[in-house]
Amino acid sequence: MIDLEKYPAEYRPLLVLLINHRRKNPIRRRTLMERAELSERAVRQTITDLVMIYGLPVCYSVQKPFGYYIAETDEDKEPTLRVLYSGAMGLLEYYAKLRDALVPGDAVQLTLRPVGDYHEWRKDMLKEITEKFKMPNLIVGAHDE
């Protein structure tokens, strides 16, 4: 059971709405906004704070039924963790591409790779980032094996 007194007063309107929502019956962001009388930005920030500061396992579903819910098990967290992981890998890939991008005035010899080498490059890049940032157990997608 969630003790509302443990949380700052400004989070309670959203918590009251989230309390009874689990993986099978999430609550949509729009509903949270309307009922708590908060902006979309405020809802997102409050949920981020609940997870990052207070460790409350607030998850979201990007498949039907859509919405936010409080996880009761590690299994309940998996769909959200997969989405977050995918987004994080996309950002790291963007980081690596931008880092390696040429800027005007660079005088370098370009080596063009055949299109088929992209997956090999991605695998090498993920390995490099994993080592550089000391990220243990970085999961490599099935298409990277």
Foldseek 3Di string as FASTA:
>chain_A
DDDLVVDDPLLVQLCVVQVPFALQRADALVVSCVRSVHDSVVNVVSVVCCCPVVVFQWAFDPDPVGHIHGYPDVVRNVRRVVVVLVVVLVVLVVVVCVVPDDDPPDDDDDDDDPPVCPLVVSLVSVVVVCVVVVPPPNDDDPVSD
